[in-house]
């Protein structure tokens, strides 16, 4: 989703957001 040069921080945030989206399904 986010195409930034973050790295671990972006991955951690993405994982949390993905987990929330998955929980909604």
PDB file of N, CA and C in Angstrom:
ATOM      1  N   UNK A   1       0.858  -1.203   0.000  1.00  0.00           N
ATOM      2  CA  UNK A   1       0.000   0.000   0.000  1.00  0.00           C
ATOM      3  C   UNK A   1       0.887   1.242   0.000  1.00  0.00           C
ATOM      4  N   UNK A   2       1.579   1.443   1.094  1.00  0.00           N
ATOM      5  CA  UNK A   2       2.455   2.625   1.190  1.00  0.00           C
ATOM      6  C   UNK A   2       3.791   2.325   0.514  1.00  0.00           C
ATOM      7  N   UNK A   3       4.070   3.061  -0.546  1.00  0.00           N
ATOM      8  CA  UNK A   3       5.328   2.831  -1.275  1.00  0.00           C
ATOM      9  C   UNK A   3       6.384   3.826  -0.821  1.00  0.00           C
ATOM     10  N   UNK A   4       6.704   3.778   0.476  1.00  0.00           N
ATOM     11  CA  UNK A   4       7.719   4.714   0.995  1.00  0.00           C
ATOM     12  C   UNK A   4       8.995   3.960   1.350  1.00  0.00           C
ATOM     13  N   UNK A   5      10.057   4.676   1.629  1.00  0.00           N
ATOM     14  CA  UNK A   5      11.333   4.017   1.967  1.00  0.00           C
ATOM     15  C   UNK A   5      11.464   3.840   3.467  1.00  0.00           C
ATOM     16  N   UNK A   6      10.426   3.330   4.110  1.00  0.00           N
ATOM     17  CA  UNK A   6      10.479   3.171   5.562  1.00  0.00           C
ATOM     18  C   UNK A   6      11.334   1.975   5.953  1.00  0.00           C
ATOM     19  N   UNK A   7      10.754   0.783   5.896  1.00  0.00           N
ATOM     20  CA  UNK A   7      11.536  -0.394   6.274  1.00  0.00           C
ATOM     21  C   UNK A   7      10.838  -1.168   7.369  1.00  0.00           C
ATOM     22  N   UNK A   8      11.451  -1.194   8.541  1.00  0.00           N
ATOM     23  CA  UNK A   8      10.833  -1.956   9.646  1.00  0.00           C
ATOM     24  C   UNK A   8       9.621  -1.194  10.198  1.00  0.00           C
ATOM     25  N   UNK A   9       9.765   0.083  10.357  1.00  0.00           N
ATOM     26  CA  UNK A   9       8.634   0.854  10.913  1.00  0.00           C
ATOM     27  C   UNK A   9       7.416   0.733   9.994  1.00  0.00           C
ATOM     28  N   UNK A  10       7.642   0.863   8.706  1.00  0.00           N
ATOM     29  CA  UNK A  10       6.507   0.772   7.769  1.00  0.00           C
ATOM     30  C   UNK A  10       5.918  -0.634   7.801  1.00  0.00           C
ATOM     31  N   UNK A  11       6.788  -1.615   7.878  1.00  0.00           N
ATOM     32  CA  UNK A  11       6.275  -2.996   7.881  1.00  0.00           C
ATOM     33  C   UNK A  11       5.441  -3.230   9.132  1.00  0.00           C
ATOM     34  N   UNK A  12       5.937  -2.766  10.257  1.00  0.00           N
ATOM     35  CA  UNK A  12       5.208  -2.970  11.523  1.00  0.00           C
ATOM     36  C   UNK A  12       3.834  -2.310  11.437  1.00  0.00           C
ATOM     37  N   UNK A  13       3.823  -1.095  10.907  1.00  0.00           N
ATOM     38  CA  UNK A  13       2.549  -0.364  10.817  1.00  0.00           C
ATOM     39  C   UNK A  13       1.649  -1.078   9.804  1.00  0.00           C
ATOM     40  N   UNK A  14       2.217  -1.500   8.714  1.00  0.00           N
ATOM     41  CA  UNK A  14       1.410  -2.175   7.684  1.00  0.00           C
ATOM     42  C   UNK A  14       0.813  -3.462   8.241  1.00  0.00           C
ATOM     43  N   UNK A  15       1.619  -4.173   8.981  1.00  0.00           N
ATOM     44  CA  UNK A  15       1.134  -5.437   9.548  1.00  0.00           C
ATOM     45  C   UNK A  15      -0.038  -5.167  10.479  1.00  0.00           C
ATOM     46  N   UNK A  16       0.072  -4.107  11.274  1.00  0.00           N
ATOM     47  CA  UNK A  16      -1.019  -3.800  12.228  1.00  0.00           C
ATOM     48  C   UNK A  16      -2.270  -3.420  11.443  1.00  0.00           C
ATOM     49  N   UNK A  17      -2.099  -2.627  10.427  1.00  0.00           N
ATOM     50  CA  UNK A  17      -3.270  -2.198   9.636  1.00  0.00           C
ATOM     51  C   UNK A  17      -3.882  -3.420   8.937  1.00  0.00           C
ATOM     52  N   UNK A  18      -3.031  -4.268   8.411  1.00  0.00           N
ATOM     53  CA  UNK A  18      -3.538  -5.458   7.718  1.00  0.00           C
ATOM     54  C   UNK A  18      -4.291  -6.345   8.701  1.00  0.00           C
ATOM     55  N   UNK A  19      -3.753  -6.488   9.888  1.00  0.00           N
ATOM     56  CA  UNK A  19      -4.409  -7.331  10.897  1.00  0.00           C
ATOM     57  C   UNK A  19      -5.801  -6.777  11.180  1.00  0.00           C
ATOM     58  N   UNK A  20      -5.907  -5.462  11.221  1.00  0.00           N
ATOM     59  CA  UNK A  20      -7.218  -4.848  11.514  1.00  0.00           C
ATOM     60  C   UNK A  20      -8.180  -5.138  10.359  1.00  0.00           C
ATOM     61  N   UNK A  21      -7.693  -4.999   9.162  1.00  0.00           N
ATOM     62  CA  UNK A  21      -8.553  -5.248   7.995  1.00  0.00           C
ATOM     63  C   UNK A  21      -8.978  -6.714   7.970  1.00  0.00           C
ATOM     64  N   UNK A  22      -8.042  -7.603   8.286  1.00  0.00           N
ATOM     65  CA  UNK A  22      -8.374  -9.026   8.278  1.00  0.00           C
ATOM     66  C   UNK A  22      -9.395  -9.344   9.360  1.00  0.00           C
ATOM     67  N   UNK A  23      -9.268  -8.666  10.491  1.00  0.00           N
ATOM     68  CA  UNK A  23     -10.196  -8.926  11.604  1.00  0.00           C
ATOM     69  C   UNK A  23     -11.606  -8.495  11.211  1.00  0.00           C
ATOM     70  N   UNK A  24     -11.669  -7.508  10.318  1.00  0.00           N
ATOM     71  CA  UNK A  24     -12.999  -7.028   9.911  1.00  0.00           C
ATOM     72  C   UNK A  24     -13.702  -8.056   9.038  1.00  0.00           C
ATOM     73  N   UNK A  25     -12.936  -8.786   8.263  1.00  0.00           N
ATOM     74  CA  UNK A  25     -13.540  -9.763   7.349  1.00  0.00           C
ATOM     75  C   UNK A  25     -14.179 -10.897   8.152  1.00  0.00           C
TER      76      UNK A  25
END
